[in-house]
Amino acid sequence: MTLAAPVIAKFAQPGQFVMVKCADGIQPLLRRPLGVHNVKGSEVEILYEIIGEGTKLLSQKKSGQALDIIGPLGTGFKFPKGSDPCGKNILIAGGMGVAPLLFLAKKINKSQVLVLIGAKTKQEILCKKEFKKLGCNVKVVTDDGSAGHKGFVTDLLQDRGHLFKGVPAMLYACGPKPMLKAVSEFSKRRKIPAQISLEEHMACGIGACLGCIVNTKSGQKRVCKEGPVFDAREIIWE
């Protein structure tokens, strides 16, 4: 979905999100948090899956309709100062976790970017062509083997461990919690910095309700405020 939102487009950073009011009435009451997928001029693109009443209503919006949104919100991905421009940037996406990573790839596409995309089936692989247009090296994996390798996206990461020898690298990941946990464990084992974008149910999106708390080594953090992007090595996994 493409939104004419010049202020959000001007200030949005990869990894941030917007809170969208999906209904014209009061039901559903709560806004839906949706990641900024891309920015083109004064327009913002969001990528979402229809999984409930809110996103169903959102999918029924017509071109030209006004949409009530708040954003950009949260803390996005960080770009290390002084990082080697020839270092490896590995983007790891599981399912709809691909949503914030295209915008990220646009920001770092002058470096070497390897994108690992995982999905259940070939039909569910998203944004492969878009990443390739940016000059990224793209590898895919599917649960059923209908495209690319058969297995999990973290298998591709393990298989490419040799890429990190003697080369500065950063991992960026978004996807299901089991995948993010595996990326976190890989980063610790290989001593490679990693940033992960967490998904949690959100009510307010501005840090007031404390409904999206995650446990970290430095205490409880709000996914909507201190996150959704965190240092993977700081998360305490349940």
C-alpha atoms as a PDB file:
ATOM      1  CA  MET A   1       0.000   0.000   0.000  1.00  0.00           C
ATOM      2  CA  THR A   2       1.326   3.422  -0.984  1.00  0.00           C
ATOM      3  CA  LEU A   3       0.538   6.435   1.191  1.00  0.00           C
ATOM      4  CA  ALA A   4       0.970  10.110   0.385  1.00  0.00           C
ATOM      5  CA  ALA A   5       2.657  11.110   3.630  1.00  0.00           C
ATOM      6  CA  PRO A   6       5.361  13.743   3.027  1.00  0.00           C
ATOM      7  CA  VAL A   7       6.243  14.370   6.683  1.00  0.00           C
ATOM      8  CA  ILE A   8       6.626  10.683   7.484  1.00  0.00           C
ATOM      9  CA  ALA A   9       8.561  10.152   4.251  1.00  0.00           C
ATOM     10  CA  LYS A  10      10.972  12.928   5.194  1.00  0.00           C
ATOM     11  CA  PHE A  11      11.822  11.623   8.650  1.00  0.00           C
ATOM     12  CA  ALA A  12      11.343   7.838   8.445  1.00  0.00           C
ATOM     13  CA  GLN A  13      14.356   5.597   8.971  1.00  0.00           C
ATOM     14  CA  PRO A  14      14.672   1.884   8.152  1.00  0.00           C
ATOM     15  CA  GLY A  15      13.173  -0.223  10.919  1.00  0.00           C
ATOM     16  CA  GLN A  16      10.677   2.376  12.091  1.00  0.00           C
ATOM     17  CA  PHE A  17       6.918   1.893  11.851  1.00  0.00           C
ATOM     18  CA  VAL A  18       3.594   3.702  11.693  1.00  0.00           C
ATOM     19  CA  MET A  19       0.396   3.159  13.678  1.00  0.00           C
ATOM     20  CA  VAL A  20      -2.545   2.889  11.304  1.00  0.00           C
ATOM     21  CA  LYS A  21      -6.217   3.390  12.139  1.00  0.00           C
ATOM     22  CA  CYS A  22      -7.817   0.764   9.935  1.00  0.00           C
ATOM     23  CA  ALA A  23     -11.506   1.524  10.515  1.00  0.00           C
ATOM     24  CA  ASP A  24     -13.588   4.637  10.017  1.00  0.00           C
ATOM     25  CA  GLY A  25     -15.568   3.797  13.173  1.00  0.00           C
ATOM     26  CA  ILE A  26     -14.432   2.634  16.604  1.00  0.00           C
ATOM     27  CA  GLN A  27     -14.052  -1.069  15.824  1.00  0.00           C
ATOM     28  CA  PRO A  28     -11.409  -2.312  15.792  1.00  0.00           C
ATOM     29  CA  LEU A  29     -10.404   0.222  18.414  1.00  0.00           C
ATOM     30  CA  LEU A  30      -6.636  -0.183  18.361  1.00  0.00           C
ATOM     31  CA  ARG A  31      -4.370   0.974  15.578  1.00  0.00           C
ATOM     32  CA  ARG A  32      -2.167  -1.544  13.780  1.00  0.00           C
ATOM     33  CA  PRO A  33       1.641  -1.206  13.800  1.00  0.00           C
ATOM     34  CA  LEU A  34       3.033  -1.560  10.278  1.00  0.00           C
ATOM     35  CA  GLY A  35       6.670  -1.216   9.304  1.00  0.00           C
ATOM     36  CA  VAL A  36       7.882   1.329   6.776  1.00  0.00           C
ATOM     37  CA  HIS A  37       8.607  -0.833   3.741  1.00  0.00           C
ATOM     38  CA  ASN A  38       9.923   1.844   1.404  1.00  0.00           C
ATOM     39  CA  VAL A  39      10.044   5.584   0.820  1.00  0.00           C
ATOM     40  CA  LYS A  40       9.790   7.200  -2.609  1.00  0.00           C
ATOM     41  CA  GLY A  41       9.826  10.978  -2.567  1.00  0.00           C
ATOM     42  CA  SER A  42       6.847  12.088  -0.501  1.00  0.00           C
ATOM     43  CA  GLU A  43       5.263   8.631  -0.498  1.00  0.00           C
ATOM     44  CA  VAL A  44       5.549   5.840   2.044  1.00  0.00           C
ATOM     45  CA  GLU A  45       4.989   2.192   1.224  1.00  0.00           C
ATOM     46  CA  ILE A  46       3.813  -0.364   3.757  1.00  0.00           C
ATOM     47  CA  LEU A  47       3.716  -4.113   3.240  1.00  0.00           C
ATOM     48  CA  TYR A  48       1.273  -6.152   5.270  1.00  0.00           C
ATOM     49  CA  GLU A  49      -0.544  -9.477   5.427  1.00  0.00           C
ATOM     50  CA  ILE A  50      -4.292  -9.793   5.972  1.00  0.00           C
ATOM     51  CA  ILE A  51      -4.464 -11.678   9.270  1.00  0.00           C
ATOM     52  CA  GLY A  52      -7.364 -10.091  11.130  1.00  0.00           C
ATOM     53  CA  GLU A  53     -10.231  -7.637  11.016  1.00  0.00           C
ATOM     54  CA  GLY A  54      -7.956  -4.587  11.053  1.00  0.00           C
ATOM     55  CA  THR A  55      -5.802  -5.524   8.075  1.00  0.00           C
ATOM     56  CA  LYS A  56      -8.882  -6.837   6.257  1.00  0.00           C
ATOM     57  CA  LEU A  57     -10.479  -3.399   6.548  1.00  0.00           C
ATOM     58  CA  LEU A  58      -7.212  -1.790   5.498  1.00  0.00           C
ATOM     59  CA  SER A  59      -7.116  -3.923   2.351  1.00  0.00           C
ATOM     60  CA  GLN A  60     -10.540  -2.571   1.384  1.00  0.00           C
ATOM     61  CA  LYS A  61      -9.397   1.043   1.288  1.00  0.00           C
ATOM     62  CA  LYS A  62      -9.708   2.728  -2.097  1.00  0.00           C
ATOM     63  CA  SER A  63      -7.246   4.996  -3.869  1.00  0.00           C
ATOM     64  CA  GLY A  64      -7.723   8.587  -2.736  1.00  0.00           C
ATOM     65  CA  GLN A  65      -9.207   7.733   0.648  1.00  0.00           C
ATOM     66  CA  ALA A  66      -7.769   9.470   3.708  1.00  0.00           C
ATOM     67  CA  LEU A  67      -6.018   7.259   6.253  1.00  0.00           C
ATOM     68  CA  ASP A  68      -5.298   8.211   9.864  1.00  0.00           C
ATOM     69  CA  ILE A  69      -1.681   7.293  10.666  1.00  0.00           C
ATOM     70  CA  ILE A  70       0.872   8.243  13.319  1.00  0.00           C
ATOM     71  CA  GLY A  71       4.590   8.030  12.669  1.00  0.00           C
ATOM     72  CA  PRO A  72       7.360   7.469  12.119  1.00  0.00           C
ATOM     73  CA  LEU A  73       7.696   5.682  15.460  1.00  0.00           C
ATOM     74  CA  GLY A  74      10.249   3.571  17.279  1.00  0.00           C
ATOM     75  CA  THR A  75      13.980   3.100  17.005  1.00  0.00           C
ATOM     76  CA  GLY A  76      15.201   1.751  13.688  1.00  0.00           C
ATOM     77  CA  PHE A  77      18.385   0.139  12.433  1.00  0.00           C
ATOM     78  CA  LYS A  78      21.698   1.796  13.215  1.00  0.00           C
ATOM     79  CA  PHE A  79      24.573   2.218  10.816  1.00  0.00           C
ATOM     80  CA  PRO A  80      27.896   1.863  12.680  1.00  0.00           C
ATOM     81  CA  LYS A  81      30.164   4.873  12.346  1.00  0.00           C
ATOM     82  CA  GLY A  82      33.452   4.189  10.653  1.00  0.00           C
ATOM     83  CA  SER A  83      32.320   0.806   9.343  1.00  0.00           C
ATOM     84  CA  ASP A  84      34.304  -0.632   6.450  1.00  0.00           C
ATOM     85  CA  PRO A  85      32.437   0.294   3.246  1.00  0.00           C
ATOM     86  CA  CYS A  86      33.523  -3.043   1.787  1.00  0.00           C
ATOM     87  CA  GLY A  87      32.249  -5.001   4.763  1.00  0.00           C
ATOM     88  CA  LYS A  88      29.495  -7.572   4.545  1.00  0.00           C
ATOM     89  CA  ASN A  89      25.930  -6.530   5.270  1.00  0.00           C
ATOM     90  CA  ILE A  90      23.712  -9.583   5.654  1.00  0.00           C
ATOM     91  CA  LEU A  91      19.942  -9.020   5.622  1.00  0.00           C
ATOM     92  CA  ILE A  92      17.936 -11.986   6.906  1.00  0.00           C
ATOM     93  CA  ALA A  93      14.183 -12.044   6.296  1.00  0.00           C
ATOM     94  CA  GLY A  94      11.668 -14.629   7.413  1.00  0.00           C
ATOM     95  CA  GLY A  95       8.213 -14.408   5.808  1.00  0.00           C
ATOM     96  CA  MET A  96       6.725 -10.943   6.263  1.00  0.00           C
ATOM     97  CA  GLY A  97       9.947  -9.974   8.021  1.00  0.00           C
ATOM     98  CA  VAL A  98      11.094  -8.802   4.613  1.00  0.00           C
ATOM     99  CA  ALA A  99       8.941  -5.678   5.072  1.00  0.00           C
ATOM    100  CA  PRO A 100      11.465  -3.277   6.712  1.00  0.00           C
ATOM    101  CA  LEU A 101      14.557  -4.668   5.003  1.00  0.00           C
ATOM    102  CA  LEU A 102      14.032  -3.266   1.503  1.00  0.00           C
ATOM    103  CA  PHE A 103      14.186   0.298   2.828  1.00  0.00           C
ATOM    104  CA  LEU A 104      17.295  -0.706   4.769  1.00  0.00           C
ATOM    105  CA  ALA A 105      18.932  -2.164   1.659  1.00  0.00           C
ATOM    106  CA  LYS A 106      18.420   1.150  -0.156  1.00  0.00           C
ATOM    107  CA  LYS A 107      20.362   2.929   2.580  1.00  0.00           C
ATOM    108  CA  ILE A 108      23.344   0.580   2.522  1.00  0.00           C
ATOM    109  CA  ASN A 109      23.416  -0.545  -1.093  1.00  0.00           C
ATOM    110  CA  LYS A 110      26.849   0.973  -1.664  1.00  0.00           C
ATOM    111  CA  SER A 111      28.273  -1.802   0.478  1.00  0.00           C
ATOM    112  CA  GLN A 112      28.207  -5.500  -0.224  1.00  0.00           C
ATOM    113  CA  VAL A 113      24.700  -6.668   0.605  1.00  0.00           C
ATOM    114  CA  LEU A 114      23.633 -10.291   0.821  1.00  0.00           C
ATOM    115  CA  VAL A 115      19.910 -10.853   1.318  1.00  0.00           C
ATOM    116  CA  LEU A 116      18.664 -14.181   2.667  1.00  0.00           C
ATOM    117  CA  ILE A 117      14.905 -14.648   2.254  1.00  0.00           C
ATOM    118  CA  GLY A 118      12.970 -17.485   3.826  1.00  0.00           C
ATOM    119  CA  ALA A 119       9.334 -18.437   3.230  1.00  0.00           C
ATOM    120  CA  LYS A 120       7.033 -21.433   3.536  1.00  0.00           C
ATOM    121  CA  THR A 121       6.505 -21.776  -0.224  1.00  0.00           C
ATOM    122  CA  LYS A 122       7.621 -20.243  -3.521  1.00  0.00           C
ATOM    123  CA  GLN A 123       4.401 -18.219  -3.687  1.00  0.00           C
ATOM    124  CA  GLU A 124       5.197 -16.548  -0.360  1.00  0.00           C
ATOM    125  CA  ILE A 125       8.641 -15.242  -1.327  1.00  0.00           C
ATOM    126  CA  LEU A 126       8.492 -11.451  -1.321  1.00  0.00           C
ATOM    127  CA  CYS A 127      10.604  -8.660  -2.823  1.00  0.00           C
ATOM    128  CA  LYS A 128      13.249 -10.828  -4.490  1.00  0.00           C
ATOM    129  CA  LYS A 129      13.149  -8.748  -7.688  1.00  0.00           C
ATOM    130  CA  GLU A 130      13.205  -5.469  -5.764  1.00  0.00           C
ATOM    131  CA  PHE A 131      16.344  -6.447  -3.855  1.00  0.00           C
ATOM    132  CA  LYS A 132      18.055  -7.553  -7.051  1.00  0.00           C
ATOM    133  CA  LYS A 133      17.273  -4.205  -8.697  1.00  0.00           C
ATOM    134  CA  LEU A 134      19.266  -2.569  -5.905  1.00  0.00           C
ATOM    135  CA  GLY A 135      22.239  -4.742  -6.780  1.00  0.00           C
ATOM    136  CA  CYS A 136      21.910  -7.075  -3.807  1.00  0.00           C
ATOM    137  CA  ASN A 137      22.965 -10.708  -3.927  1.00  0.00           C
ATOM    138  CA  VAL A 138      19.771 -12.614  -3.071  1.00  0.00           C
ATOM    139  CA  LYS A 139      19.394 -16.192  -1.850  1.00  0.00           C
ATOM    140  CA  VAL A 140      16.076 -17.851  -1.042  1.00  0.00           C
ATOM    141  CA  VAL A 141      14.999 -20.855   0.974  1.00  0.00           C
ATOM    142  CA  THR A 142      11.573 -22.440   1.407  1.00  0.00           C
ATOM    143  CA  ASP A 143      10.175 -24.866   3.937  1.00  0.00           C
ATOM    144  CA  ASP A 144       8.900 -27.178   1.196  1.00  0.00           C
ATOM    145  CA  GLY A 145      11.798 -26.754  -1.234  1.00  0.00           C
ATOM    146  CA  SER A 146       9.595 -25.237  -3.962  1.00  0.00           C
ATOM    147  CA  ALA A 147      12.171 -22.458  -4.471  1.00  0.00           C
ATOM    148  CA  GLY A 148      15.836 -22.262  -3.598  1.00  0.00           C
ATOM    149  CA  HIS A 149      17.110 -24.498  -0.845  1.00  0.00           C
ATOM    150  CA  LYS A 150      14.785 -26.583   1.292  1.00  0.00           C
ATOM    151  CA  GLY A 151      14.957 -25.678   4.953  1.00  0.00           C
ATOM    152  CA  PHE A 152      15.135 -22.540   7.053  1.00  0.00           C
ATOM    153  CA  VAL A 153      16.666 -19.185   6.252  1.00  0.00           C
ATOM    154  CA  THR A 154      19.087 -19.590   9.155  1.00  0.00           C
ATOM    155  CA  ASP A 155      20.485 -22.653   7.355  1.00  0.00           C
ATOM    156  CA  LEU A 156      21.708 -20.293   4.634  1.00  0.00           C
ATOM    157  CA  LEU A 157      23.369 -18.167   7.283  1.00  0.00           C
ATOM    158  CA  GLN A 158      25.164 -21.164   8.773  1.00  0.00           C
ATOM    159  CA  ASP A 159      26.296 -22.330   5.321  1.00  0.00           C
ATOM    160  CA  ARG A 160      27.866 -18.952   4.634  1.00  0.00           C
ATOM    161  CA  GLY A 161      29.878 -18.673   7.816  1.00  0.00           C
ATOM    162  CA  HIS A 162      33.079 -18.566   5.765  1.00  0.00           C
ATOM    163  CA  LEU A 163      32.068 -15.161   4.391  1.00  0.00           C
ATOM    164  CA  PHE A 164      32.725 -13.551   7.753  1.00  0.00           C
ATOM    165  CA  LYS A 165      36.352 -14.567   8.182  1.00  0.00           C
ATOM    166  CA  GLY A 166      38.511 -11.463   8.456  1.00  0.00           C
ATOM    167  CA  VAL A 167      35.807  -9.192   7.052  1.00  0.00           C
ATOM    168  CA  PRO A 168      33.812  -6.595   9.012  1.00  0.00           C
ATOM    169  CA  ALA A 169      30.177  -7.628   8.990  1.00  0.00           C
ATOM    170  CA  MET A 170      26.758  -6.706  10.324  1.00  0.00           C
ATOM    171  CA  LEU A 171      23.653  -8.865  10.475  1.00  0.00           C
ATOM    172  CA  TYR A 172      20.192  -7.306  10.148  1.00  0.00           C
ATOM    173  CA  ALA A 173      17.175  -9.538  10.685  1.00  0.00           C
ATOM    174  CA  CYS A 174      13.401  -9.459  10.874  1.00  0.00           C
ATOM    175  CA  GLY A 175      11.051 -12.412  11.096  1.00  0.00           C
ATOM    176  CA  PRO A 176       9.557 -14.988  13.479  1.00  0.00           C
ATOM    177  CA  LYS A 177      10.992 -15.217  16.992  1.00  0.00           C
ATOM    178  CA  PRO A 178      12.573 -18.675  16.507  1.00  0.00           C
ATOM    179  CA  MET A 179      14.473 -17.298  13.522  1.00  0.00           C
ATOM    180  CA  LEU A 180      15.584 -14.200  15.418  1.00  0.00           C
ATOM    181  CA  LYS A 181      16.724 -16.336  18.335  1.00  0.00           C
ATOM    182  CA  ALA A 182      18.809 -18.458  15.953  1.00  0.00           C
ATOM    183  CA  VAL A 183      20.342 -15.314  14.431  1.00  0.00           C
ATOM    184  CA  SER A 184      21.120 -14.049  17.930  1.00  0.00           C
ATOM    185  CA  GLU A 185      22.852 -17.303  18.856  1.00  0.00           C
ATOM    186  CA  PHE A 186      24.812 -17.235  15.593  1.00  0.00           C
ATOM    187  CA  SER A 187      25.958 -13.675  16.231  1.00  0.00           C
ATOM    188  CA  LYS A 188      27.151 -14.550  19.721  1.00  0.00           C
ATOM    189  CA  ARG A 189      28.945 -17.672  18.562  1.00  0.00           C
ATOM    190  CA  ARG A 190      30.653 -15.915  15.656  1.00  0.00           C
ATOM    191  CA  LYS A 191      31.124 -12.641  17.539  1.00  0.00           C
ATOM    192  CA  ILE A 192      29.391 -10.738  14.756  1.00  0.00           C
ATOM    193  CA  PRO A 193      27.173  -7.756  15.637  1.00  0.00           C
ATOM    194  CA  ALA A 194      23.522  -8.238  14.785  1.00  0.00           C
ATOM    195  CA  GLN A 195      20.448  -6.042  14.870  1.00  0.00           C
ATOM    196  CA  ILE A 196      17.022  -7.642  14.986  1.00  0.00           C
ATOM    197  CA  SER A 197      13.570  -6.160  14.548  1.00  0.00           C
ATOM    198  CA  LEU A 198      11.104  -7.629  17.034  1.00  0.00           C
ATOM    199  CA  GLU A 199       7.371  -7.963  16.552  1.00  0.00           C
ATOM    200  CA  GLU A 200       5.025  -7.617  19.522  1.00  0.00           C
ATOM    201  CA  HIS A 201       1.387  -6.750  20.026  1.00  0.00           C
ATOM    202  CA  MET A 202       1.132  -2.980  20.498  1.00  0.00           C
ATOM    203  CA  ALA A 203      -1.693  -0.848  21.817  1.00  0.00           C
ATOM    204  CA  CYS A 204      -0.370   2.710  21.831  1.00  0.00           C
ATOM    205  CA  GLY A 205       2.862   2.632  19.815  1.00  0.00           C
ATOM    206  CA  ILE A 206       4.387   5.493  21.826  1.00  0.00           C
ATOM    207  CA  GLY A 207       5.642   3.729  24.953  1.00  0.00           C
ATOM    208  CA  ALA A 208       2.830   4.697  27.315  1.00  0.00           C
ATOM    209  CA  CYS A 209       0.892   1.466  27.858  1.00  0.00           C
ATOM    210  CA  LEU A 210       3.857  -0.897  28.471  1.00  0.00           C
ATOM    211  CA  GLY A 211       2.073  -3.610  26.527  1.00  0.00           C
ATOM    212  CA  CYS A 212       5.042  -4.582  24.348  1.00  0.00           C
ATOM    213  CA  ILE A 213       7.747  -5.192  26.935  1.00  0.00           C
ATOM    214  CA  VAL A 214      10.747  -7.390  26.124  1.00  0.00           C
ATOM    215  CA  ASN A 215      13.395  -8.572  28.590  1.00  0.00           C
ATOM    216  CA  THR A 216      16.970  -7.506  27.892  1.00  0.00           C
ATOM    217  CA  LYS A 217      20.263  -7.695  29.753  1.00  0.00           C
ATOM    218  CA  SER A 218      19.782  -4.059  30.765  1.00  0.00           C
ATOM    219  CA  GLY A 219      16.215  -4.525  31.979  1.00  0.00           C
ATOM    220  CA  GLN A 220      12.789  -4.369  30.406  1.00  0.00           C
ATOM    221  CA  LYS A 221      12.485  -2.410  27.167  1.00  0.00           C
ATOM    222  CA  ARG A 222       9.503  -1.251  25.132  1.00  0.00           C
ATOM    223  CA  VAL A 223       9.448  -2.649  21.616  1.00  0.00           C
ATOM    224  CA  CYS A 224       7.554   0.415  20.361  1.00  0.00           C
ATOM    225  CA  LYS A 225       9.977   2.927  21.882  1.00  0.00           C
ATOM    226  CA  GLU A 226      13.457   1.504  22.519  1.00  0.00           C
ATOM    227  CA  GLY A 227      12.764  -0.914  19.666  1.00  0.00           C
ATOM    228  CA  PRO A 228      11.562  -2.489  17.506  1.00  0.00           C
ATOM    229  CA  VAL A 229      15.229  -2.849  16.549  1.00  0.00           C
ATOM    230  CA  PHE A 230      17.581  -4.180  19.224  1.00  0.00           C
ATOM    231  CA  ASP A 231      21.110  -5.497  19.511  1.00  0.00           C
ATOM    232  CA  ALA A 232      20.488  -9.235  19.166  1.00  0.00           C
ATOM    233  CA  ARG A 233      22.994 -10.077  21.878  1.00  0.00           C
ATOM    234  CA  GLU A 234      21.049  -8.025  24.432  1.00  0.00           C
ATOM    235  CA  ILE A 235      17.767  -9.924  24.195  1.00  0.00           C
ATOM    236  CA  ILE A 236      16.904 -12.464  26.885  1.00  0.00           C
ATOM    237  CA  TRP A 237      14.978 -15.199  25.105  1.00  0.00           C
ATOM    238  CA  GLU A 238      12.258 -17.040  27.002  1.00  0.00           C
END
